[in-house]
Amino acid sequence: MSPKKSKTQGGSINERIGHIYSALSKSHKITADYVVANSFRAATMSIDELADAVGISNATANRFARALGFDGYPQFRAELVSSFETMLAPIEGLKSDINLASSAQEVIHRSISDDIANLEIARREFRPALYERAVKMILVAERIYIIGYGASAYLGGIMCHALTNYCDSVQTNMGTGGPAQVSRTLYKFTERDLVIAISFPRYSSDIVTLMGQAQKRRIPMIALTDRPTSPVASLADVNLYVQTKPQFNSEGIVLCLIEAICAAVAHQSEASVDIAAETTELMLPWLHHGKK
């Protein structure tokens, strides 16, 4: 006899399994054990892939999903996917591209079109007061620490390079000894300093932890992220949003935002022309002047 659905309505997959585990058949228990131990991997699997991994038939996989209170395997997998939405987005997007059987030309064109569309959204939703506040925070800060992990660490490095000429002290976590070292550095920061966090899916838990510590110390924070539901949005004083691709993060779009902010800082900085001239003069020995 199948377990009563009333016991499995609602709750996470693990909670549903826990409610009815003792009443499951042997093959369903094996499937449940696999899903609990490999929930992320199971979320990426089609019904054929799960059946092969567990050693059951597709029909048994469907019956397992119905035993948990779902209409079938698609609804069961959708619930699993929802638990890992931001982490699975690149995988799901790649699967969609592969299923479209697109040529390289079509993928490149679609990627560029996605970037343009997201930049148009950023321009349409531009909020001048927020950007004015962010630029002022950068200019008045005694020290600035830019945090980013993964590709965002490289973006943070570019931002650090661009701001160095116009700010007294700019650091980034790129090349440091990890989050613990960043935490020790931020421990010295005060309300006169600034933290800039760059965080896009897949969000780094290290950034959330470090921002939480900075918030307790009342260090002002700016977040460059993708949406109000981002885990860093509730921690920052100012959030600057830009949409990224569903398939994978578009560093180009984030870089456009960084370049725009740094351009505004350079424009608003005192003696920006003098700084640019002095910097160029210092770099002359390393610049190629062409044929003499």
C-alpha atoms as a PDB file:
ATOM      1  CA  MET A   1       0.000   0.000   0.000  1.00  0.00           C
ATOM      2  CA  SER A   2       1.313   3.459  -0.891  1.00  0.00           C
ATOM      3  CA  PRO A   3       1.893   5.989   1.919  1.00  0.00           C
ATOM      4  CA  LYS A   4      -0.902   8.493   2.403  1.00  0.00           C
ATOM      5  CA  LYS A   5      -0.271  11.714   0.526  1.00  0.00           C
ATOM      6  CA  SER A   6      -1.706  13.801   3.342  1.00  0.00           C
ATOM      7  CA  LYS A   7       1.432  13.096   5.361  1.00  0.00           C
ATOM      8  CA  THR A   8       3.738  14.368   2.615  1.00  0.00           C
ATOM      9  CA  GLN A   9       2.042  17.569   1.523  1.00  0.00           C
ATOM     10  CA  GLY A  10       4.396  20.520   1.893  1.00  0.00           C
ATOM     11  CA  GLY A  11       7.848  20.668   3.420  1.00  0.00           C
ATOM     12  CA  SER A  12      11.258  20.044   1.921  1.00  0.00           C
ATOM     13  CA  ILE A  13      12.161  16.851   0.088  1.00  0.00           C
ATOM     14  CA  ASN A  14      14.038  15.576   3.144  1.00  0.00           C
ATOM     15  CA  GLU A  15      11.056  16.330   5.402  1.00  0.00           C
ATOM     16  CA  ARG A  16       8.713  14.497   3.046  1.00  0.00           C
ATOM     17  CA  ILE A  17      11.062  11.506   2.952  1.00  0.00           C
ATOM     18  CA  GLY A  18      11.354  11.521   6.732  1.00  0.00           C
ATOM     19  CA  HIS A  19       7.568  11.399   7.165  1.00  0.00           C
ATOM     20  CA  ILE A  20       7.106   8.237   5.108  1.00  0.00           C
ATOM     21  CA  TYR A  21      10.499   6.531   5.025  1.00  0.00           C
ATOM     22  CA  SER A  22       9.485   3.558   7.165  1.00  0.00           C
ATOM     23  CA  ALA A  23       6.528   2.841   4.868  1.00  0.00           C
ATOM     24  CA  LEU A  24       8.515   2.958   1.618  1.00  0.00           C
ATOM     25  CA  SER A  25       9.288  -0.128  -0.441  1.00  0.00           C
ATOM     26  CA  LYS A  26      12.872  -1.413  -0.576  1.00  0.00           C
ATOM     27  CA  SER A  27      13.547   0.199  -3.985  1.00  0.00           C
ATOM     28  CA  HIS A  28      12.003   3.468  -2.838  1.00  0.00           C
ATOM     29  CA  LYS A  29      14.151   3.467   0.308  1.00  0.00           C
ATOM     30  CA  ILE A  30      17.261   3.009  -1.836  1.00  0.00           C
ATOM     31  CA  THR A  31      16.105   5.943  -3.985  1.00  0.00           C
ATOM     32  CA  ALA A  32      15.379   8.044  -0.905  1.00  0.00           C
ATOM     33  CA  ASP A  33      18.816   7.283   0.534  1.00  0.00           C
ATOM     34  CA  TYR A  34      20.443   8.350  -2.715  1.00  0.00           C
ATOM     35  CA  VAL A  35      18.443  11.614  -2.930  1.00  0.00           C
ATOM     36  CA  VAL A  36      19.185  12.566   0.693  1.00  0.00           C
ATOM     37  CA  ALA A  37      22.906  11.847   0.297  1.00  0.00           C
ATOM     38  CA  ASN A  38      23.188  13.458  -3.156  1.00  0.00           C
ATOM     39  CA  SER A  39      20.473  16.106  -3.228  1.00  0.00           C
ATOM     40  CA  PHE A  40      22.431  18.548  -5.400  1.00  0.00           C
ATOM     41  CA  ARG A  41      23.383  15.882  -7.934  1.00  0.00           C
ATOM     42  CA  ALA A  42      19.826  14.515  -7.959  1.00  0.00           C
ATOM     43  CA  ALA A  43      18.501  17.987  -8.738  1.00  0.00           C
ATOM     44  CA  THR A  44      20.562  18.025 -11.952  1.00  0.00           C
ATOM     45  CA  MET A  45      19.327  14.598 -13.108  1.00  0.00           C
ATOM     46  CA  SER A  46      16.639  13.647 -15.576  1.00  0.00           C
ATOM     47  CA  ILE A  47      14.419  10.716 -14.646  1.00  0.00           C
ATOM     48  CA  ASP A  48      16.571   8.435 -16.843  1.00  0.00           C
ATOM     49  CA  GLU A  49      19.761   9.557 -15.100  1.00  0.00           C
ATOM     50  CA  LEU A  50      18.345   9.063 -11.591  1.00  0.00           C
ATOM     51  CA  ALA A  51      16.960   5.647 -12.504  1.00  0.00           C
ATOM     52  CA  ASP A  52      20.362   4.563 -13.864  1.00  0.00           C
ATOM     53  CA  ALA A  53      22.210   5.935 -10.826  1.00  0.00           C
ATOM     54  CA  VAL A  54      19.977   4.126  -8.347  1.00  0.00           C
ATOM     55  CA  GLY A  55      19.368   0.980 -10.416  1.00  0.00           C
ATOM     56  CA  ILE A  56      15.602   1.280 -10.779  1.00  0.00           C
ATOM     57  CA  SER A  57      13.167   1.708 -13.664  1.00  0.00           C
ATOM     58  CA  ASN A  58      11.712   5.018 -14.796  1.00  0.00           C
ATOM     59  CA  ALA A  59       8.313   3.836 -13.619  1.00  0.00           C
ATOM     60  CA  THR A  60       9.695   3.172 -10.128  1.00  0.00           C
ATOM     61  CA  ALA A  61      11.249   6.664 -10.073  1.00  0.00           C
ATOM     62  CA  ASN A  62       7.875   8.151 -10.958  1.00  0.00           C
ATOM     63  CA  ARG A  63       6.126   6.113  -8.261  1.00  0.00           C
ATOM     64  CA  PHE A  64       8.743   7.327  -5.751  1.00  0.00           C
ATOM     65  CA  ALA A  65       7.914  10.931  -6.635  1.00  0.00           C
ATOM     66  CA  ARG A  66       4.182  10.239  -6.218  1.00  0.00           C
ATOM     67  CA  ALA A  67       4.826   8.548  -2.874  1.00  0.00           C
ATOM     68  CA  LEU A  68       6.292  11.874  -1.705  1.00  0.00           C
ATOM     69  CA  GLY A  69       3.112  13.676  -2.681  1.00  0.00           C
ATOM     70  CA  PHE A  70       4.100  14.953  -6.124  1.00  0.00           C
ATOM     71  CA  ASP A  71       2.157  14.422  -9.340  1.00  0.00           C
ATOM     72  CA  GLY A  72       5.214  12.866 -10.932  1.00  0.00           C
ATOM     73  CA  TYR A  73       8.972  13.110 -11.407  1.00  0.00           C
ATOM     74  CA  PRO A  74       8.955  16.574 -13.096  1.00  0.00           C
ATOM     75  CA  GLN A  75       7.294  18.149 -10.046  1.00  0.00           C
ATOM     76  CA  PHE A  76       9.631  16.266  -7.693  1.00  0.00           C
ATOM     77  CA  ARG A  77      12.716  17.493  -9.571  1.00  0.00           C
ATOM     78  CA  ALA A  78      11.343  21.046  -9.743  1.00  0.00           C
ATOM     79  CA  GLU A  79      11.134  21.053  -5.942  1.00  0.00           C
ATOM     80  CA  LEU A  80      14.731  19.835  -5.698  1.00  0.00           C
ATOM     81  CA  VAL A  81      15.889  22.467  -8.175  1.00  0.00           C
ATOM     82  CA  SER A  82      14.175  25.254  -6.223  1.00  0.00           C
ATOM     83  CA  SER A  83      16.446  24.501  -3.266  1.00  0.00           C
ATOM     84  CA  PHE A  84      19.536  25.120  -5.408  1.00  0.00           C
ATOM     85  CA  GLU A  85      18.159  27.720  -7.818  1.00  0.00           C
ATOM     86  CA  THR A  86      21.157  30.031  -8.032  1.00  0.00           C
ATOM     87  CA  MET A  87      23.707  27.200  -8.055  1.00  0.00           C
ATOM     88  CA  LEU A  88      21.882  25.207 -10.742  1.00  0.00           C
ATOM     89  CA  ALA A  89      21.133  28.141 -13.056  1.00  0.00           C
ATOM     90  CA  PRO A  90      24.408  27.788 -15.013  1.00  0.00           C
ATOM     91  CA  ILE A  91      23.882  24.037 -15.437  1.00  0.00           C
ATOM     92  CA  GLU A  92      20.260  24.411 -16.529  1.00  0.00           C
ATOM     93  CA  GLY A  93      21.206  27.191 -18.937  1.00  0.00           C
ATOM     94  CA  LEU A  94      23.964  25.087 -20.472  1.00  0.00           C
ATOM     95  CA  LYS A  95      21.563  22.158 -20.898  1.00  0.00           C
ATOM     96  CA  SER A  96      19.095  24.468 -22.670  1.00  0.00           C
ATOM     97  CA  ASP A  97      21.796  25.732 -25.035  1.00  0.00           C
ATOM     98  CA  ILE A  98      22.889  22.180 -25.837  1.00  0.00           C
ATOM     99  CA  ASN A  99      19.290  21.073 -26.413  1.00  0.00           C
ATOM    100  CA  LEU A 100      18.824  23.937 -28.877  1.00  0.00           C
ATOM    101  CA  ALA A 101      21.627  22.424 -30.975  1.00  0.00           C
ATOM    102  CA  SER A 102      22.935  25.941 -31.554  1.00  0.00           C
ATOM    103  CA  SER A 103      25.944  26.701 -33.676  1.00  0.00           C
ATOM    104  CA  ALA A 104      28.866  28.651 -32.186  1.00  0.00           C
ATOM    105  CA  GLN A 105      27.683  31.703 -34.140  1.00  0.00           C
ATOM    106  CA  GLU A 106      24.190  31.485 -32.652  1.00  0.00           C
ATOM    107  CA  VAL A 107      25.498  31.062 -29.097  1.00  0.00           C
ATOM    108  CA  ILE A 108      27.798  34.090 -29.460  1.00  0.00           C
ATOM    109  CA  HIS A 109      25.023  36.233 -30.953  1.00  0.00           C
ATOM    110  CA  ARG A 110      22.587  35.200 -28.214  1.00  0.00           C
ATOM    111  CA  SER A 111      25.187  35.895 -25.522  1.00  0.00           C
ATOM    112  CA  ILE A 112      25.893  39.398 -26.848  1.00  0.00           C
ATOM    113  CA  SER A 113      22.157  40.064 -27.163  1.00  0.00           C
ATOM    114  CA  ASP A 114      21.623  38.988 -23.547  1.00  0.00           C
ATOM    115  CA  ASP A 115      24.361  41.374 -22.404  1.00  0.00           C
ATOM    116  CA  ILE A 116      22.842  44.271 -24.325  1.00  0.00           C
ATOM    117  CA  ALA A 117      19.394  43.538 -22.919  1.00  0.00           C
ATOM    118  CA  ASN A 118      20.713  43.418 -19.343  1.00  0.00           C
ATOM    119  CA  LEU A 119      22.617  46.675 -19.810  1.00  0.00           C
ATOM    120  CA  GLU A 120      19.434  48.280 -21.106  1.00  0.00           C
ATOM    121  CA  ILE A 121      17.652  47.125 -17.939  1.00  0.00           C
ATOM    122  CA  ALA A 122      20.418  48.674 -15.830  1.00  0.00           C
ATOM    123  CA  ARG A 123      20.105  51.959 -17.701  1.00  0.00           C
ATOM    124  CA  ARG A 124      16.310  51.951 -17.490  1.00  0.00           C
ATOM    125  CA  GLU A 125      16.322  51.259 -13.753  1.00  0.00           C
ATOM    126  CA  PHE A 126      19.154  53.706 -13.025  1.00  0.00           C
ATOM    127  CA  ARG A 127      18.604  55.536  -9.719  1.00  0.00           C
ATOM    128  CA  PRO A 128      20.752  58.694  -9.646  1.00  0.00           C
ATOM    129  CA  ALA A 129      20.490  59.294  -5.892  1.00  0.00           C
ATOM    130  CA  LEU A 130      21.889  55.852  -5.059  1.00  0.00           C
ATOM    131  CA  TYR A 131      24.868  56.257  -7.358  1.00  0.00           C
ATOM    132  CA  GLU A 132      25.544  59.771  -6.072  1.00  0.00           C
ATOM    133  CA  ARG A 133      25.562  58.372  -2.539  1.00  0.00           C
ATOM    134  CA  ALA A 134      27.843  55.493  -3.503  1.00  0.00           C
ATOM    135  CA  VAL A 135      30.366  57.788  -5.188  1.00  0.00           C
ATOM    136  CA  LYS A 136      30.372  60.123  -2.172  1.00  0.00           C
ATOM    137  CA  MET A 137      30.948  57.150   0.170  1.00  0.00           C
ATOM    138  CA  ILE A 138      33.964  56.112  -1.909  1.00  0.00           C
ATOM    139  CA  LEU A 139      35.449  59.604  -1.992  1.00  0.00           C
ATOM    140  CA  VAL A 140      35.128  60.316   1.740  1.00  0.00           C
ATOM    141  CA  ALA A 141      36.295  56.903   2.969  1.00  0.00           C
ATOM    142  CA  GLU A 142      39.683  56.852   4.669  1.00  0.00           C
ATOM    143  CA  ARG A 143      40.225  53.211   3.693  1.00  0.00           C
ATOM    144  CA  ILE A 144      38.381  50.983   1.230  1.00  0.00           C
ATOM    145  CA  TYR A 145      38.328  47.178   1.199  1.00  0.00           C
ATOM    146  CA  ILE A 146      36.855  45.429  -1.858  1.00  0.00           C
ATOM    147  CA  ILE A 147      35.633  41.859  -1.315  1.00  0.00           C
ATOM    148  CA  GLY A 148      34.867  39.369  -4.052  1.00  0.00           C
ATOM    149  CA  TYR A 149      35.370  35.626  -4.518  1.00  0.00           C
ATOM    150  CA  GLY A 150      35.688  33.560  -7.669  1.00  0.00           C
ATOM    151  CA  ALA A 151      35.439  35.740 -10.762  1.00  0.00           C
ATOM    152  CA  SER A 152      34.323  38.613  -8.528  1.00  0.00           C
ATOM    153  CA  ALA A 153      37.804  38.640  -6.972  1.00  0.00           C
ATOM    154  CA  TYR A 154      39.267  39.583 -10.352  1.00  0.00           C
ATOM    155  CA  LEU A 155      36.592  42.245 -10.826  1.00  0.00           C
ATOM    156  CA  GLY A 156      37.479  43.570  -7.378  1.00  0.00           C
ATOM    157  CA  GLY A 157      41.096  43.759  -8.475  1.00  0.00           C
ATOM    158  CA  ILE A 158      40.130  45.845 -11.506  1.00  0.00           C
ATOM    159  CA  MET A 159      38.044  48.162  -9.319  1.00  0.00           C
ATOM    160  CA  CYS A 160      40.906  48.482  -6.839  1.00  0.00           C
ATOM    161  CA  HIS A 161      43.282  49.404  -9.670  1.00  0.00           C
ATOM    162  CA  ALA A 162      40.871  52.035 -11.021  1.00  0.00           C
ATOM    163  CA  LEU A 163      40.221  53.651  -7.630  1.00  0.00           C
ATOM    164  CA  THR A 164      43.816  53.709  -6.389  1.00  0.00           C
ATOM    165  CA  ASN A 165      44.632  57.047  -8.028  1.00  0.00           C
ATOM    166  CA  TYR A 166      41.661  58.815  -6.441  1.00  0.00           C
ATOM    167  CA  CYS A 167      41.420  57.228  -2.980  1.00  0.00           C
ATOM    168  CA  ASP A 168      43.984  57.252  -0.179  1.00  0.00           C
ATOM    169  CA  SER A 169      43.893  53.532   0.599  1.00  0.00           C
ATOM    170  CA  VAL A 170      42.249  50.773  -1.461  1.00  0.00           C
ATOM    171  CA  GLN A 171      42.721  47.054  -0.839  1.00  0.00           C
ATOM    172  CA  THR A 172      41.187  43.899  -2.229  1.00  0.00           C
ATOM    173  CA  ASN A 173      41.036  40.349  -0.913  1.00  0.00           C
ATOM    174  CA  MET A 174      42.559  38.986  -4.132  1.00  0.00           C
ATOM    175  CA  GLY A 175      45.764  37.179  -3.231  1.00  0.00           C
ATOM    176  CA  THR A 176      45.197  37.347   0.529  1.00  0.00           C
ATOM    177  CA  GLY A 177      45.300  34.450   2.962  1.00  0.00           C
ATOM    178  CA  GLY A 178      41.557  33.816   2.650  1.00  0.00           C
ATOM    179  CA  PRO A 179      38.484  34.976   4.606  1.00  0.00           C
ATOM    180  CA  ALA A 180      40.254  34.751   7.971  1.00  0.00           C
ATOM    181  CA  GLN A 181      42.880  37.238   6.795  1.00  0.00           C
ATOM    182  CA  VAL A 182      40.172  39.555   5.445  1.00  0.00           C
ATOM    183  CA  SER A 183      38.370  39.335   8.782  1.00  0.00           C
ATOM    184  CA  ARG A 184      41.525  40.355  10.649  1.00  0.00           C
ATOM    185  CA  THR A 185      41.949  43.321   8.317  1.00  0.00           C
ATOM    186  CA  LEU A 186      38.349  44.449   8.637  1.00  0.00           C
ATOM    187  CA  TYR A 187      38.652  44.260  12.417  1.00  0.00           C
ATOM    188  CA  LYS A 188      40.765  47.420  12.161  1.00  0.00           C
ATOM    189  CA  PHE A 189      38.183  49.246  10.041  1.00  0.00           C
ATOM    190  CA  THR A 190      35.835  51.873  11.501  1.00  0.00           C
ATOM    191  CA  GLU A 191      32.833  53.969  10.519  1.00  0.00           C
ATOM    192  CA  ARG A 192      35.207  56.242   8.577  1.00  0.00           C
ATOM    193  CA  ASP A 193      36.128  53.410   6.194  1.00  0.00           C
ATOM    194  CA  LEU A 194      34.199  51.502   3.518  1.00  0.00           C
ATOM    195  CA  VAL A 195      33.632  47.927   2.355  1.00  0.00           C
ATOM    196  CA  ILE A 196      32.605  47.245  -1.246  1.00  0.00           C
ATOM    197  CA  ALA A 197      31.219  43.740  -1.790  1.00  0.00           C
ATOM    198  CA  ILE A 198      30.869  42.196  -5.267  1.00  0.00           C
ATOM    199  CA  SER A 199      28.516  39.229  -5.123  1.00  0.00           C
ATOM    200  CA  PHE A 200      26.599  37.518  -7.921  1.00  0.00           C
ATOM    201  CA  PRO A 201      25.186  34.010  -8.321  1.00  0.00           C
ATOM    202  CA  ARG A 202      26.571  31.700  -7.260  1.00  0.00           C
ATOM    203  CA  TYR A 203      26.768  33.714  -4.035  1.00  0.00           C
ATOM    204  CA  SER A 204      29.734  33.115  -1.739  1.00  0.00           C
ATOM    205  CA  SER A 205      28.912  32.390   1.898  1.00  0.00           C
ATOM    206  CA  ASP A 206      32.285  33.926   2.839  1.00  0.00           C
ATOM    207  CA  ILE A 207      31.127  37.346   1.632  1.00  0.00           C
ATOM    208  CA  VAL A 208      27.902  37.087   3.628  1.00  0.00           C
ATOM    209  CA  THR A 209      29.877  36.179   6.760  1.00  0.00           C
ATOM    210  CA  LEU A 210      32.408  38.995   6.303  1.00  0.00           C
ATOM    211  CA  MET A 211      29.680  41.554   5.611  1.00  0.00           C
ATOM    212  CA  GLY A 212      27.875  40.432   8.744  1.00  0.00           C
ATOM    213  CA  GLN A 213      31.035  41.108  10.749  1.00  0.00           C
ATOM    214  CA  ALA A 214      31.468  44.505   9.075  1.00  0.00           C
ATOM    215  CA  GLN A 215      27.859  45.393   9.819  1.00  0.00           C
ATOM    216  CA  LYS A 216      28.392  44.693  13.530  1.00  0.00           C
ATOM    217  CA  ARG A 217      31.322  47.119  13.448  1.00  0.00           C
ATOM    218  CA  ARG A 218      29.128  49.678  11.660  1.00  0.00           C
ATOM    219  CA  ILE A 219      31.457  49.876   8.687  1.00  0.00           C
ATOM    220  CA  PRO A 220      29.639  51.484   5.726  1.00  0.00           C
ATOM    221  CA  MET A 221      29.067  49.032   2.876  1.00  0.00           C
ATOM    222  CA  ILE A 222      28.240  49.141  -0.817  1.00  0.00           C
ATOM    223  CA  ALA A 223      27.105  45.953  -2.572  1.00  0.00           C
ATOM    224  CA  LEU A 224      27.335  45.306  -6.295  1.00  0.00           C
ATOM    225  CA  THR A 225      24.861  42.479  -6.825  1.00  0.00           C
ATOM    226  CA  ASP A 226      22.036  41.283  -9.057  1.00  0.00           C
ATOM    227  CA  ARG A 227      18.773  41.588  -7.126  1.00  0.00           C
ATOM    228  CA  PRO A 228      17.119  42.658  -3.849  1.00  0.00           C
ATOM    229  CA  THR A 229      16.834  38.995  -2.812  1.00  0.00           C
ATOM    230  CA  SER A 230      20.609  38.567  -2.976  1.00  0.00           C
ATOM    231  CA  PRO A 231      21.937  37.498   0.453  1.00  0.00           C
ATOM    232  CA  VAL A 232      24.197  40.566   0.602  1.00  0.00           C
ATOM    233  CA  ALA A 233      21.468  43.102  -0.201  1.00  0.00           C
ATOM    234  CA  SER A 234      20.066  43.231   3.334  1.00  0.00           C
ATOM    235  CA  LEU A 235      23.545  43.875   4.782  1.00  0.00           C
ATOM    236  CA  ALA A 236      24.708  46.777   2.600  1.00  0.00           C
ATOM    237  CA  ASP A 237      23.920  50.460   3.079  1.00  0.00           C
ATOM    238  CA  VAL A 238      23.739  50.962  -0.694  1.00  0.00           C
ATOM    239  CA  ASN A 239      22.913  48.290  -3.259  1.00  0.00           C
ATOM    240  CA  LEU A 240      23.772  48.796  -6.934  1.00  0.00           C
ATOM    241  CA  TYR A 241      22.040  46.190  -9.089  1.00  0.00           C
ATOM    242  CA  VAL A 242      22.866  44.783 -12.499  1.00  0.00           C
ATOM    243  CA  GLN A 243      21.331  41.683 -14.058  1.00  0.00           C
ATOM    244  CA  THR A 244      23.512  38.798 -15.188  1.00  0.00           C
ATOM    245  CA  LYS A 245      22.856  36.001 -17.655  1.00  0.00           C
ATOM    246  CA  PRO A 246      20.723  33.063 -16.489  1.00  0.00           C
ATOM    247  CA  GLN A 247      23.279  30.579 -17.890  1.00  0.00           C
ATOM    248  CA  PHE A 248      26.356  31.994 -16.180  1.00  0.00           C
ATOM    249  CA  ASN A 249      27.553  35.250 -14.702  1.00  0.00           C
ATOM    250  CA  SER A 250      28.426  37.891 -17.249  1.00  0.00           C
ATOM    251  CA  GLU A 251      31.555  39.522 -15.914  1.00  0.00           C
ATOM    252  CA  GLY A 252      31.350  42.007 -18.786  1.00  0.00           C
ATOM    253  CA  ILE A 253      28.123  43.479 -17.452  1.00  0.00           C
ATOM    254  CA  VAL A 254      29.501  43.778 -13.920  1.00  0.00           C
ATOM    255  CA  LEU A 255      32.660  45.327 -15.317  1.00  0.00           C
ATOM    256  CA  CYS A 256      30.560  47.972 -17.097  1.00  0.00           C
ATOM    257  CA  LEU A 257      29.011  48.881 -13.738  1.00  0.00           C
ATOM    258  CA  ILE A 258      32.429  49.052 -12.071  1.00  0.00           C
ATOM    259  CA  GLU A 259      33.839  51.217 -14.859  1.00  0.00           C
ATOM    260  CA  ALA A 260      30.864  53.599 -14.631  1.00  0.00           C
ATOM    261  CA  ILE A 261      31.305  53.990 -10.857  1.00  0.00           C
ATOM    262  CA  CYS A 262      35.053  54.547 -11.159  1.00  0.00           C
ATOM    263  CA  ALA A 263      34.523  57.092 -13.952  1.00  0.00           C
ATOM    264  CA  ALA A 264      32.165  59.034 -11.684  1.00  0.00           C
ATOM    265  CA  VAL A 265      34.687  58.880  -8.830  1.00  0.00           C
ATOM    266  CA  ALA A 266      37.431  60.186 -11.117  1.00  0.00           C
ATOM    267  CA  HIS A 267      35.158  63.002 -12.327  1.00  0.00           C
ATOM    268  CA  GLN A 268      34.165  64.034  -8.801  1.00  0.00           C
ATOM    269  CA  SER A 269      37.650  63.718  -7.335  1.00  0.00           C
ATOM    270  CA  GLU A 270      39.583  66.900  -6.580  1.00  0.00           C
ATOM    271  CA  ALA A 271      42.446  67.573  -8.980  1.00  0.00           C
ATOM    272  CA  SER A 272      41.523  64.576 -11.123  1.00  0.00           C
ATOM    273  CA  VAL A 273      43.267  66.091 -14.169  1.00  0.00           C
ATOM    274  CA  ASP A 274      46.450  66.686 -12.185  1.00  0.00           C
ATOM    275  CA  ILE A 275      46.355  63.125 -10.875  1.00  0.00           C
ATOM    276  CA  ALA A 276      45.937  61.733 -14.394  1.00  0.00           C
ATOM    277  CA  ALA A 277      48.827  63.847 -15.691  1.00  0.00           C
ATOM    278  CA  GLU A 278      51.140  62.861 -12.831  1.00  0.00           C
ATOM    279  CA  THR A 279      50.279  59.187 -13.248  1.00  0.00           C
ATOM    280  CA  THR A 280      50.989  59.309 -16.960  1.00  0.00           C
ATOM    281  CA  GLU A 281      54.324  61.025 -16.318  1.00  0.00           C
ATOM    282  CA  LEU A 282      55.312  58.336 -13.822  1.00  0.00           C
ATOM    283  CA  MET A 283      54.434  55.631 -16.351  1.00  0.00           C
ATOM    284  CA  LEU A 284      56.337  57.173 -19.251  1.00  0.00           C
ATOM    285  CA  PRO A 285      59.413  54.894 -18.884  1.00  0.00           C
ATOM    286  CA  TRP A 286      57.162  51.849 -19.421  1.00  0.00           C
ATOM    287  CA  LEU A 287      55.035  53.220 -22.264  1.00  0.00           C
ATOM    288  CA  HIS A 288      55.767  52.503 -25.900  1.00  0.00           C
ATOM    289  CA  HIS A 289      56.142  55.761 -27.840  1.00  0.00           C
ATOM    290  CA  GLY A 290      56.382  54.321 -31.330  1.00  0.00           C
ATOM    291  CA  LYS A 291      59.122  55.071 -33.808  1.00  0.00           C
ATOM    292  CA  LYS A 292      61.176  58.186 -33.168  1.00  0.00           C
END
